[in-house]
Amino acid sequence: MPLSDAASGGLRAAAAMTVLGCSTGATAGITAFPLYGGQAVRYLLAAVLLLALARRGGPLRPRPSPAELGRLALLAATGLFAFNILLIQALRRTDPAAVGSVVGCTPLLLAVLAPLLARRRPQGRLLAAAAVVVAGAAVTQGFGPGDPLGFLFALGTLACEAAFSLLAVDLLPRLGPVRVSAYTTALAVPMFGLTGLALDGTRLLRIPTAGEAAALLYLSVVLTVVAFLLWYAALGRLGAERAGLFAGLIPVTAALSGAALGTGGLHPGELLGAALVGLGVCAGITTRQSPSPVRPVVEPAGR
C-alpha cells in the first residue's frame, strides 16, 4: 500500500534532520581545517555526485531559466555560504547551546513566513505545533552565555536556515530535488573558493588528516547529497510549514547520537524536550494542508 504524501514526506524530513543532527561529530572533526577551502571541497564533491545523478538519464532537462538561476544563486549564497560562515562566527562568540536555541526557532519562522509569502494567513494549529516544537528544541538544547554580536550572528544563521527552504519552494515543482541540490551546491563552490583565495591565499587548502578526510567525506556525501535530497523531496510533499516542524529533531538526534557514541549522556531535560518535539511534530503533521504553490514534484522524463 503506497504511503500518503504526508507519511512519505514526514519520513523523508525526519531522516534528513536526523542526518543533520548526527553530523555534529563530523563537523567537530574539521574545526582545525581551513574553513573556506574545506567547504569548497565539501560542496565540490557533492556537486559532482549530484550532477552525475541528475545526468544519469541524459542531458540536464529542463535547464533553469534566468530567473530560476538567480533564485538558485541566492539560495546558495544564503542557505549554504552565509549559513556556514554565520554559524562559525556565532559559535566563536556564543555558547553552542545558545546558538542552537536560536536556530531551533526555524519551525516557528517557517510556519509564519511560508504562508505569508504564499499570500495566505498562517494556520493557528500549525503555529501552536511549531511553538511546542521550538520549546522542546530549546529544552533539549539548553541555554548558554553569549555576547550581543554572537546573538546577531545566530539570528543571521536562523534567517539563512529558513531561506534554505523558502527559496527552494518555487524551484522544486519544475526542477525537482536532484537538480535544485546539484545547482545550488555547484554555485556554492566558487563562493567559498574565491572568498578563501581572497582571505586565506595560499592557506586556502592543505592535505587533510585521515580523520579530517573522513569527516569531509561524510559531510559531502551523507549530509549534503543524501540529506539535501531527502529534505527537498519532503518539502515538495509537505510544504515549508509542515516540513519545518521536523527541524526540531536536530537537537534531539544530536543528543541521542552523543549518548549512543558515548560522548554525552541523556538527561531528564533532554528526554522532556524530545517528548515535546514529538508532540509538536505529530500535532502539526496531521493538520490539513492549506492550498500552496508547491505542487507534487514531478521529475522530468528521461531520468
C-alpha atoms as a PDB file:
ATOM      1  CA  MET A   1       0.000   0.000   0.000  1.00  0.00           C
ATOM      2  CA  PRO A   2       1.588   3.299  -1.072  1.00  0.00           C
ATOM      3  CA  LEU A   3       2.263   5.900   1.582  1.00  0.00           C
ATOM      4  CA  SER A   4       0.389   9.175   1.593  1.00  0.00           C
ATOM      5  CA  ASP A   5       2.251  12.388   0.776  1.00  0.00           C
ATOM      6  CA  ALA A   6       2.156  13.317   4.465  1.00  0.00           C
ATOM      7  CA  ALA A   7       3.635   9.996   5.594  1.00  0.00           C
ATOM      8  CA  SER A   8       6.208   9.851   2.785  1.00  0.00           C
ATOM      9  CA  GLY A   9       7.230  13.468   3.297  1.00  0.00           C
ATOM     10  CA  GLY A  10       7.365  13.058   7.055  1.00  0.00           C
ATOM     11  CA  LEU A  11       9.689  10.067   6.828  1.00  0.00           C
ATOM     12  CA  ARG A  12      11.995  11.939   4.451  1.00  0.00           C
ATOM     13  CA  ALA A  13      12.022  15.078   6.591  1.00  0.00           C
ATOM     14  CA  ALA A  14      12.708  13.076   9.756  1.00  0.00           C
ATOM     15  CA  ALA A  15      15.545  11.206   8.065  1.00  0.00           C
ATOM     16  CA  ALA A  16      17.100  14.435   6.739  1.00  0.00           C
ATOM     17  CA  MET A  17      17.007  16.144  10.136  1.00  0.00           C
ATOM     18  CA  THR A  18      18.347  13.008  11.838  1.00  0.00           C
ATOM     19  CA  VAL A  19      21.334  13.028   9.498  1.00  0.00           C
ATOM     20  CA  LEU A  20      21.858  16.719  10.228  1.00  0.00           C
ATOM     21  CA  GLY A  21      21.594  16.231  13.986  1.00  0.00           C
ATOM     22  CA  CYS A  22      24.052  13.327  13.917  1.00  0.00           C
ATOM     23  CA  SER A  23      26.588  15.344  11.892  1.00  0.00           C
ATOM     24  CA  THR A  24      27.927  17.269  14.892  1.00  0.00           C
ATOM     25  CA  GLY A  25      30.789  14.821  15.333  1.00  0.00           C
ATOM     26  CA  ALA A  26      31.858  15.154  11.709  1.00  0.00           C
ATOM     27  CA  THR A  27      31.673  18.945  11.882  1.00  0.00           C
ATOM     28  CA  ALA A  28      33.792  18.957  15.021  1.00  0.00           C
ATOM     29  CA  GLY A  29      36.350  16.864  13.162  1.00  0.00           C
ATOM     30  CA  ILE A  30      37.209  19.674  10.714  1.00  0.00           C
ATOM     31  CA  THR A  31      37.348  22.662  13.080  1.00  0.00           C
ATOM     32  CA  ALA A  32      41.104  22.915  12.539  1.00  0.00           C
ATOM     33  CA  PHE A  33      40.836  22.576   8.758  1.00  0.00           C
ATOM     34  CA  PRO A  34      40.761  25.779   6.636  1.00  0.00           C
ATOM     35  CA  LEU A  35      37.135  26.949   6.693  1.00  0.00           C
ATOM     36  CA  TYR A  36      36.667  28.205   3.134  1.00  0.00           C
ATOM     37  CA  GLY A  37      38.808  25.564   1.479  1.00  0.00           C
ATOM     38  CA  GLY A  38      37.141  22.787   3.424  1.00  0.00           C
ATOM     39  CA  GLN A  39      33.652  23.946   2.484  1.00  0.00           C
ATOM     40  CA  ALA A  40      34.683  24.379  -1.161  1.00  0.00           C
ATOM     41  CA  VAL A  41      35.959  20.790  -1.240  1.00  0.00           C
ATOM     42  CA  ARG A  42      32.819  19.548   0.500  1.00  0.00           C
ATOM     43  CA  TYR A  43      30.432  21.177  -1.967  1.00  0.00           C
ATOM     44  CA  LEU A  44      32.591  20.356  -4.998  1.00  0.00           C
ATOM     45  CA  LEU A  45      32.443  16.644  -4.225  1.00  0.00           C
ATOM     46  CA  ALA A  46      28.710  16.868  -3.520  1.00  0.00           C
ATOM     47  CA  ALA A  47      28.091  18.780  -6.766  1.00  0.00           C
ATOM     48  CA  VAL A  48      29.973  16.161  -8.810  1.00  0.00           C
ATOM     49  CA  LEU A  49      27.860  13.372  -7.326  1.00  0.00           C
ATOM     50  CA  LEU A  50      24.586  15.268  -7.677  1.00  0.00           C
ATOM     51  CA  LEU A  51      25.251  16.378 -11.260  1.00  0.00           C
ATOM     52  CA  ALA A  52      26.133  12.790 -12.190  1.00  0.00           C
ATOM     53  CA  LEU A  53      22.868  11.659 -10.598  1.00  0.00           C
ATOM     54  CA  ALA A  54      20.927  14.352 -12.462  1.00  0.00           C
ATOM     55  CA  ARG A  55      22.508  13.396 -15.794  1.00  0.00           C
ATOM     56  CA  ARG A  56      22.053   9.647 -15.498  1.00  0.00           C
ATOM     57  CA  GLY A  57      19.086   9.750 -17.896  1.00  0.00           C
ATOM     58  CA  GLY A  58      20.722  12.079 -20.422  1.00  0.00           C
ATOM     59  CA  PRO A  59      21.303  15.830 -20.754  1.00  0.00           C
ATOM     60  CA  LEU A  60      20.069  18.067 -17.967  1.00  0.00           C
ATOM     61  CA  ARG A  61      16.470  18.981 -18.730  1.00  0.00           C
ATOM     62  CA  PRO A  62      14.861  21.334 -18.054  1.00  0.00           C
ATOM     63  CA  ARG A  63      17.578  23.925 -17.688  1.00  0.00           C
ATOM     64  CA  PRO A  64      16.902  26.749 -15.234  1.00  0.00           C
ATOM     65  CA  SER A  65      15.600  29.993 -16.668  1.00  0.00           C
ATOM     66  CA  PRO A  66      17.483  33.236 -15.891  1.00  0.00           C
ATOM     67  CA  ALA A  67      15.016  33.972 -13.080  1.00  0.00           C
ATOM     68  CA  GLU A  68      15.437  30.466 -11.651  1.00  0.00           C
ATOM     69  CA  LEU A  69      19.211  30.731 -11.941  1.00  0.00           C
ATOM     70  CA  GLY A  70      19.092  33.964  -9.939  1.00  0.00           C
ATOM     71  CA  ARG A  71      16.986  32.265  -7.253  1.00  0.00           C
ATOM     72  CA  LEU A  72      19.374  29.299  -7.189  1.00  0.00           C
ATOM     73  CA  ALA A  73      22.335  31.662  -6.736  1.00  0.00           C
ATOM     74  CA  LEU A  74      20.528  33.437  -3.891  1.00  0.00           C
ATOM     75  CA  LEU A  75      19.724  30.060  -2.327  1.00  0.00           C
ATOM     76  CA  ALA A  76      23.379  29.032  -2.495  1.00  0.00           C
ATOM     77  CA  ALA A  77      24.534  32.402  -1.146  1.00  0.00           C
ATOM     78  CA  THR A  78      22.181  32.310   1.852  1.00  0.00           C
ATOM     79  CA  GLY A  79      21.368  28.699   2.668  1.00  0.00           C
ATOM     80  CA  LEU A  80      24.879  27.348   2.058  1.00  0.00           C
ATOM     81  CA  PHE A  81      27.547  30.068   2.004  1.00  0.00           C
ATOM     82  CA  ALA A  82      26.236  32.616   4.507  1.00  0.00           C
ATOM     83  CA  PHE A  83      24.744  29.928   6.751  1.00  0.00           C
ATOM     84  CA  ASN A  84      28.113  28.222   7.302  1.00  0.00           C
ATOM     85  CA  ILE A  85      30.022  31.480   7.774  1.00  0.00           C
ATOM     86  CA  LEU A  86      27.492  32.991  10.195  1.00  0.00           C
ATOM     87  CA  LEU A  87      27.260  29.748  12.157  1.00  0.00           C
ATOM     88  CA  ILE A  88      31.024  29.626  12.666  1.00  0.00           C
ATOM     89  CA  GLN A  89      31.114  33.282  13.706  1.00  0.00           C
ATOM     90  CA  ALA A  90      28.239  32.742  16.134  1.00  0.00           C
ATOM     91  CA  LEU A  91      29.931  29.711  17.703  1.00  0.00           C
ATOM     92  CA  ARG A  92      33.149  31.662  18.163  1.00  0.00           C
ATOM     93  CA  ARG A  93      31.375  34.282  20.285  1.00  0.00           C
ATOM     94  CA  THR A  94      28.436  32.486  21.866  1.00  0.00           C
ATOM     95  CA  ASP A  95      27.838  29.239  23.699  1.00  0.00           C
ATOM     96  CA  PRO A  96      26.754  26.452  21.276  1.00  0.00           C
ATOM     97  CA  ALA A  97      23.608  25.859  23.341  1.00  0.00           C
ATOM     98  CA  ALA A  98      22.524  29.469  22.880  1.00  0.00           C
ATOM     99  CA  VAL A  99      23.185  29.301  19.137  1.00  0.00           C
ATOM    100  CA  GLY A 100      21.258  26.042  18.909  1.00  0.00           C
ATOM    101  CA  SER A 101      18.316  27.531  20.747  1.00  0.00           C
ATOM    102  CA  VAL A 102      18.150  30.481  18.329  1.00  0.00           C
ATOM    103  CA  VAL A 103      18.434  28.304  15.211  1.00  0.00           C
ATOM    104  CA  GLY A 104      15.892  25.979  16.802  1.00  0.00           C
ATOM    105  CA  CYS A 105      13.252  28.643  16.140  1.00  0.00           C
ATOM    106  CA  THR A 106      13.247  27.592  12.467  1.00  0.00           C
ATOM    107  CA  PRO A 107       9.899  25.718  12.682  1.00  0.00           C
ATOM    108  CA  LEU A 108       8.107  28.770  14.048  1.00  0.00           C
ATOM    109  CA  LEU A 109       9.721  31.098  11.496  1.00  0.00           C
ATOM    110  CA  LEU A 110       8.703  28.840   8.595  1.00  0.00           C
ATOM    111  CA  ALA A 111       5.184  28.463   9.998  1.00  0.00           C
ATOM    112  CA  VAL A 112       4.841  32.261   9.794  1.00  0.00           C
ATOM    113  CA  LEU A 113       6.782  33.169   6.648  1.00  0.00           C
ATOM    114  CA  ALA A 114       5.776  30.328   4.313  1.00  0.00           C
ATOM    115  CA  PRO A 115       2.053  31.172   4.262  1.00  0.00           C
ATOM    116  CA  LEU A 116       2.719  34.928   4.171  1.00  0.00           C
ATOM    117  CA  LEU A 117       4.919  34.517   1.098  1.00  0.00           C
ATOM    118  CA  ALA A 118       2.135  32.444  -0.452  1.00  0.00           C
ATOM    119  CA  ARG A 119      -0.302  35.285   0.360  1.00  0.00           C
ATOM    120  CA  ARG A 120      -2.387  33.435   2.896  1.00  0.00           C
ATOM    121  CA  ARG A 121      -2.810  33.545   6.633  1.00  0.00           C
ATOM    122  CA  PRO A 122      -0.758  31.284   8.918  1.00  0.00           C
ATOM    123  CA  GLN A 123      -2.686  28.376  10.383  1.00  0.00           C
ATOM    124  CA  GLY A 124      -3.289  28.646  14.114  1.00  0.00           C
ATOM    125  CA  ARG A 125      -2.824  24.938  14.767  1.00  0.00           C
ATOM    126  CA  LEU A 126       0.456  24.844  12.863  1.00  0.00           C
ATOM    127  CA  LEU A 127       1.714  27.887  14.749  1.00  0.00           C
ATOM    128  CA  ALA A 128       0.844  26.219  18.050  1.00  0.00           C
ATOM    129  CA  ALA A 129       2.535  22.979  16.967  1.00  0.00           C
ATOM    130  CA  ALA A 130       5.629  24.906  15.854  1.00  0.00           C
ATOM    131  CA  ALA A 131       5.751  26.705  19.203  1.00  0.00           C
ATOM    132  CA  VAL A 132       5.698  23.345  21.022  1.00  0.00           C
ATOM    133  CA  VAL A 133       8.491  22.035  18.770  1.00  0.00           C
ATOM    134  CA  VAL A 134      10.598  25.159  19.382  1.00  0.00           C
ATOM    135  CA  ALA A 135      10.052  24.851  23.135  1.00  0.00           C
ATOM    136  CA  GLY A 136      11.082  21.199  23.015  1.00  0.00           C
ATOM    137  CA  ALA A 137      14.189  22.006  20.989  1.00  0.00           C
ATOM    138  CA  ALA A 138      15.135  24.744  23.465  1.00  0.00           C
ATOM    139  CA  VAL A 139      14.675  22.410  26.436  1.00  0.00           C
ATOM    140  CA  THR A 140      16.763  19.727  24.727  1.00  0.00           C
ATOM    141  CA  GLN A 141      19.483  22.142  23.651  1.00  0.00           C
ATOM    142  CA  GLY A 142      19.524  24.213  26.816  1.00  0.00           C
ATOM    143  CA  PHE A 143      20.709  27.792  27.009  1.00  0.00           C
ATOM    144  CA  GLY A 144      24.127  29.277  27.449  1.00  0.00           C
ATOM    145  CA  PRO A 145      26.005  32.564  27.716  1.00  0.00           C
ATOM    146  CA  GLY A 146      26.898  34.736  24.778  1.00  0.00           C
ATOM    147  CA  ASP A 147      27.553  38.286  23.654  1.00  0.00           C
ATOM    148  CA  PRO A 148      25.268  40.568  21.607  1.00  0.00           C
ATOM    149  CA  LEU A 149      27.304  40.197  18.407  1.00  0.00           C
ATOM    150  CA  GLY A 150      27.216  36.421  18.707  1.00  0.00           C
ATOM    151  CA  PHE A 151      23.452  36.587  19.151  1.00  0.00           C
ATOM    152  CA  LEU A 152      23.160  38.676  15.962  1.00  0.00           C
ATOM    153  CA  PHE A 153      25.227  36.110  14.075  1.00  0.00           C
ATOM    154  CA  ALA A 154      22.915  33.393  15.419  1.00  0.00           C
ATOM    155  CA  LEU A 155      19.874  35.343  14.172  1.00  0.00           C
ATOM    156  CA  GLY A 156      21.529  35.584  10.755  1.00  0.00           C
ATOM    157  CA  THR A 157      22.087  31.822  10.821  1.00  0.00           C
ATOM    158  CA  LEU A 158      18.395  31.352  11.618  1.00  0.00           C
ATOM    159  CA  ALA A 159      17.393  33.539   8.663  1.00  0.00           C
ATOM    160  CA  CYS A 160      19.675  31.560   6.326  1.00  0.00           C
ATOM    161  CA  GLU A 161      18.279  28.275   7.594  1.00  0.00           C
ATOM    162  CA  ALA A 162      14.764  29.469   6.727  1.00  0.00           C
ATOM    163  CA  ALA A 163      15.945  30.726   3.317  1.00  0.00           C
ATOM    164  CA  PHE A 164      17.269  27.241   2.521  1.00  0.00           C
ATOM    165  CA  SER A 165      13.657  26.042   2.385  1.00  0.00           C
ATOM    166  CA  LEU A 166      11.696  29.137   1.398  1.00  0.00           C
ATOM    167  CA  LEU A 167      13.793  29.942  -1.672  1.00  0.00           C
ATOM    168  CA  ALA A 168      13.520  26.345  -2.910  1.00  0.00           C
ATOM    169  CA  VAL A 169       9.723  26.121  -2.761  1.00  0.00           C
ATOM    170  CA  ASP A 170       9.071  27.634  -6.200  1.00  0.00           C
ATOM    171  CA  LEU A 171      12.018  25.814  -7.800  1.00  0.00           C
ATOM    172  CA  LEU A 172      11.087  22.259  -6.835  1.00  0.00           C
ATOM    173  CA  PRO A 173       7.974  21.746  -8.992  1.00  0.00           C
ATOM    174  CA  ARG A 174       9.864  22.263 -12.277  1.00  0.00           C
ATOM    175  CA  LEU A 175      13.472  21.353 -11.447  1.00  0.00           C
ATOM    176  CA  GLY A 176      12.965  18.665  -8.783  1.00  0.00           C
ATOM    177  CA  PRO A 177      15.095  17.880  -5.708  1.00  0.00           C
ATOM    178  CA  VAL A 178      18.093  16.470  -7.593  1.00  0.00           C
ATOM    179  CA  ARG A 179      18.593  19.469  -9.865  1.00  0.00           C
ATOM    180  CA  VAL A 180      17.941  22.047  -7.157  1.00  0.00           C
ATOM    181  CA  SER A 181      20.517  20.319  -4.928  1.00  0.00           C
ATOM    182  CA  ALA A 182      23.014  19.928  -7.770  1.00  0.00           C
ATOM    183  CA  TYR A 183      22.808  23.524  -8.985  1.00  0.00           C
ATOM    184  CA  THR A 184      22.999  25.092  -5.515  1.00  0.00           C
ATOM    185  CA  THR A 185      25.988  23.025  -4.403  1.00  0.00           C
ATOM    186  CA  ALA A 186      27.790  23.783  -7.670  1.00  0.00           C
ATOM    187  CA  LEU A 187      27.138  27.520  -7.238  1.00  0.00           C
ATOM    188  CA  ALA A 188      28.434  27.411  -3.657  1.00  0.00           C
ATOM    189  CA  VAL A 189      31.875  26.127  -4.729  1.00  0.00           C
ATOM    190  CA  PRO A 190      33.182  29.386  -6.311  1.00  0.00           C
ATOM    191  CA  MET A 191      31.632  31.391  -3.462  1.00  0.00           C
ATOM    192  CA  PHE A 192      33.755  29.561  -0.905  1.00  0.00           C
ATOM    193  CA  GLY A 193      36.760  29.165  -3.189  1.00  0.00           C
ATOM    194  CA  LEU A 194      37.070  32.807  -4.268  1.00  0.00           C
ATOM    195  CA  THR A 195      36.416  34.088  -0.739  1.00  0.00           C
ATOM    196  CA  GLY A 196      39.067  31.726   0.588  1.00  0.00           C
ATOM    197  CA  LEU A 197      41.589  32.857  -2.022  1.00  0.00           C
ATOM    198  CA  ALA A 198      40.957  36.488  -1.088  1.00  0.00           C
ATOM    199  CA  LEU A 199      41.148  35.956   2.681  1.00  0.00           C
ATOM    200  CA  ASP A 200      43.464  32.954   3.120  1.00  0.00           C
ATOM    201  CA  GLY A 201      45.605  32.995  -0.011  1.00  0.00           C
ATOM    202  CA  THR A 202      47.979  30.032  -0.054  1.00  0.00           C
ATOM    203  CA  ARG A 203      46.466  28.777   3.209  1.00  0.00           C
ATOM    204  CA  LEU A 204      43.193  28.026   1.433  1.00  0.00           C
ATOM    205  CA  LEU A 205      43.861  24.269   1.454  1.00  0.00           C
ATOM    206  CA  ARG A 206      46.177  21.703   2.961  1.00  0.00           C
ATOM    207  CA  ILE A 207      46.337  17.916   2.958  1.00  0.00           C
ATOM    208  CA  PRO A 208      43.735  16.691   5.460  1.00  0.00           C
ATOM    209  CA  THR A 209      44.466  14.167   8.174  1.00  0.00           C
ATOM    210  CA  ALA A 210      42.736  10.793   7.992  1.00  0.00           C
ATOM    211  CA  GLY A 211      40.091  11.994  10.454  1.00  0.00           C
ATOM    212  CA  GLU A 212      39.524  15.238   8.550  1.00  0.00           C
ATOM    213  CA  ALA A 213      39.245  13.379   5.248  1.00  0.00           C
ATOM    214  CA  ALA A 214      36.652  11.033   6.731  1.00  0.00           C
ATOM    215  CA  ALA A 215      34.706  13.990   8.160  1.00  0.00           C
ATOM    216  CA  LEU A 216      34.762  15.852   4.830  1.00  0.00           C
ATOM    217  CA  LEU A 217      33.598  12.722   3.028  1.00  0.00           C
ATOM    218  CA  TYR A 218      30.702  12.300   5.471  1.00  0.00           C
ATOM    219  CA  LEU A 219      29.685  15.952   5.164  1.00  0.00           C
ATOM    220  CA  SER A 220      29.862  15.787   1.366  1.00  0.00           C
ATOM    221  CA  VAL A 221      28.083  12.511   0.716  1.00  0.00           C
ATOM    222  CA  VAL A 222      25.782  11.858   3.656  1.00  0.00           C
ATOM    223  CA  LEU A 223      24.929  15.346   4.911  1.00  0.00           C
ATOM    224  CA  THR A 224      24.957  17.295   1.637  1.00  0.00           C
ATOM    225  CA  VAL A 225      23.897  14.773  -1.020  1.00  0.00           C
ATOM    226  CA  VAL A 226      21.629  12.424   0.930  1.00  0.00           C
ATOM    227  CA  ALA A 227      20.121  14.909   3.397  1.00  0.00           C
ATOM    228  CA  PHE A 228      19.572  17.601   0.745  1.00  0.00           C
ATOM    229  CA  LEU A 229      17.678  15.175  -1.482  1.00  0.00           C
ATOM    230  CA  LEU A 230      15.595  13.882   1.409  1.00  0.00           C
ATOM    231  CA  TRP A 231      14.759  17.384   2.631  1.00  0.00           C
ATOM    232  CA  TYR A 232      13.777  18.810  -0.738  1.00  0.00           C
ATOM    233  CA  ALA A 233      11.667  15.725  -1.515  1.00  0.00           C
ATOM    234  CA  ALA A 234       9.904  16.242   1.827  1.00  0.00           C
ATOM    235  CA  LEU A 235       9.463  19.941   1.133  1.00  0.00           C
ATOM    236  CA  GLY A 236       7.677  19.180  -2.129  1.00  0.00           C
ATOM    237  CA  ARG A 237       5.260  16.826  -0.368  1.00  0.00           C
ATOM    238  CA  LEU A 238       4.613  18.696   2.874  1.00  0.00           C
ATOM    239  CA  GLY A 239       5.238  22.362   2.101  1.00  0.00           C
ATOM    240  CA  ALA A 240       7.608  24.530   4.126  1.00  0.00           C
ATOM    241  CA  GLU A 241       5.218  24.974   7.065  1.00  0.00           C
ATOM    242  CA  ARG A 242       4.805  21.323   7.949  1.00  0.00           C
ATOM    243  CA  ALA A 243       8.263  20.185   6.854  1.00  0.00           C
ATOM    244  CA  GLY A 244       9.806  22.887   9.032  1.00  0.00           C
ATOM    245  CA  LEU A 245       8.439  21.195  12.147  1.00  0.00           C
ATOM    246  CA  PHE A 246      10.986  18.421  11.716  1.00  0.00           C
ATOM    247  CA  ALA A 247      13.863  20.884  12.247  1.00  0.00           C
ATOM    248  CA  GLY A 248      13.093  20.424  15.937  1.00  0.00           C
ATOM    249  CA  LEU A 249      14.583  16.938  15.652  1.00  0.00           C
ATOM    250  CA  ILE A 250      18.095  18.328  15.171  1.00  0.00           C
ATOM    251  CA  PRO A 251      18.991  18.856  18.868  1.00  0.00           C
ATOM    252  CA  VAL A 252      17.131  15.680  19.816  1.00  0.00           C
ATOM    253  CA  THR A 253      19.063  13.467  17.389  1.00  0.00           C
ATOM    254  CA  ALA A 254      22.301  15.266  18.284  1.00  0.00           C
ATOM    255  CA  ALA A 255      21.749  14.397  21.961  1.00  0.00           C
ATOM    256  CA  LEU A 256      20.761  10.805  21.160  1.00  0.00           C
ATOM    257  CA  SER A 257      23.764  10.279  18.881  1.00  0.00           C
ATOM    258  CA  GLY A 258      26.089  11.681  21.539  1.00  0.00           C
ATOM    259  CA  ALA A 259      24.697   9.252  24.084  1.00  0.00           C
ATOM    260  CA  ALA A 260      24.966   6.350  21.630  1.00  0.00           C
ATOM    261  CA  LEU A 261      28.598   7.175  20.837  1.00  0.00           C
ATOM    262  CA  GLY A 262      29.499   7.698  24.462  1.00  0.00           C
ATOM    263  CA  THR A 263      30.401  11.375  24.011  1.00  0.00           C
ATOM    264  CA  GLY A 264      27.472  12.555  26.120  1.00  0.00           C
ATOM    265  CA  GLY A 265      24.641  11.354  28.295  1.00  0.00           C
ATOM    266  CA  LEU A 266      20.895  11.746  28.278  1.00  0.00           C
ATOM    267  CA  HIS A 267      19.443  13.981  30.974  1.00  0.00           C
ATOM    268  CA  PRO A 268      15.827  14.469  32.092  1.00  0.00           C
ATOM    269  CA  GLY A 269      15.647  17.822  30.298  1.00  0.00           C
ATOM    270  CA  GLU A 270      16.673  16.239  27.005  1.00  0.00           C
ATOM    271  CA  LEU A 271      14.069  13.499  27.386  1.00  0.00           C
ATOM    272  CA  LEU A 272      11.397  16.101  28.155  1.00  0.00           C
ATOM    273  CA  GLY A 273      12.486  18.180  25.159  1.00  0.00           C
ATOM    274  CA  ALA A 274      12.348  15.122  22.903  1.00  0.00           C
ATOM    275  CA  ALA A 275       8.803  14.398  24.088  1.00  0.00           C
ATOM    276  CA  LEU A 276       7.726  17.979  23.377  1.00  0.00           C
ATOM    277  CA  VAL A 277       9.274  17.896  19.897  1.00  0.00           C
ATOM    278  CA  GLY A 278       7.495  14.633  19.136  1.00  0.00           C
ATOM    279  CA  LEU A 279       4.186  16.021  20.384  1.00  0.00           C
ATOM    280  CA  GLY A 280       4.519  19.185  18.286  1.00  0.00           C
ATOM    281  CA  VAL A 281       5.501  17.314  15.137  1.00  0.00           C
ATOM    282  CA  CYS A 282       2.604  14.864  15.472  1.00  0.00           C
ATOM    283  CA  ALA A 283       0.129  17.696  16.052  1.00  0.00           C
ATOM    284  CA  GLY A 284       1.422  19.688  13.093  1.00  0.00           C
ATOM    285  CA  ILE A 285       1.812  16.878  10.566  1.00  0.00           C
ATOM    286  CA  THR A 286      -1.838  15.889  10.966  1.00  0.00           C
ATOM    287  CA  THR A 287      -3.016  19.431  10.259  1.00  0.00           C
ATOM    288  CA  ARG A 288      -4.893  19.782   6.998  1.00  0.00           C
ATOM    289  CA  GLN A 289      -2.559  21.296   4.410  1.00  0.00           C
ATOM    290  CA  SER A 290      -3.664  24.679   3.084  1.00  0.00           C
ATOM    291  CA  PRO A 291      -3.589  25.458  -0.635  1.00  0.00           C
ATOM    292  CA  SER A 292       0.040  26.030  -1.569  1.00  0.00           C
ATOM    293  CA  PRO A 293       2.038  26.937  -4.674  1.00  0.00           C
ATOM    294  CA  VAL A 294       4.144  23.829  -4.080  1.00  0.00           C
ATOM    295  CA  ARG A 295       2.833  21.154  -6.433  1.00  0.00           C
ATOM    296  CA  PRO A 296       3.847  17.481  -6.193  1.00  0.00           C
ATOM    297  CA  VAL A 297       7.368  17.208  -7.571  1.00  0.00           C
ATOM    298  CA  VAL A 298       7.492  15.503 -10.937  1.00  0.00           C
ATOM    299  CA  GLU A 299      10.961  14.718 -12.235  1.00  0.00           C
ATOM    300  CA  PRO A 300      11.338  15.436 -15.966  1.00  0.00           C
ATOM    301  CA  ALA A 301      11.191  12.495 -18.377  1.00  0.00           C
ATOM    302  CA  GLY A 302      14.478  10.763 -19.145  1.00  0.00           C
ATOM    303  CA  ARG A 303      15.640  10.442 -15.579  1.00  0.00           C
END
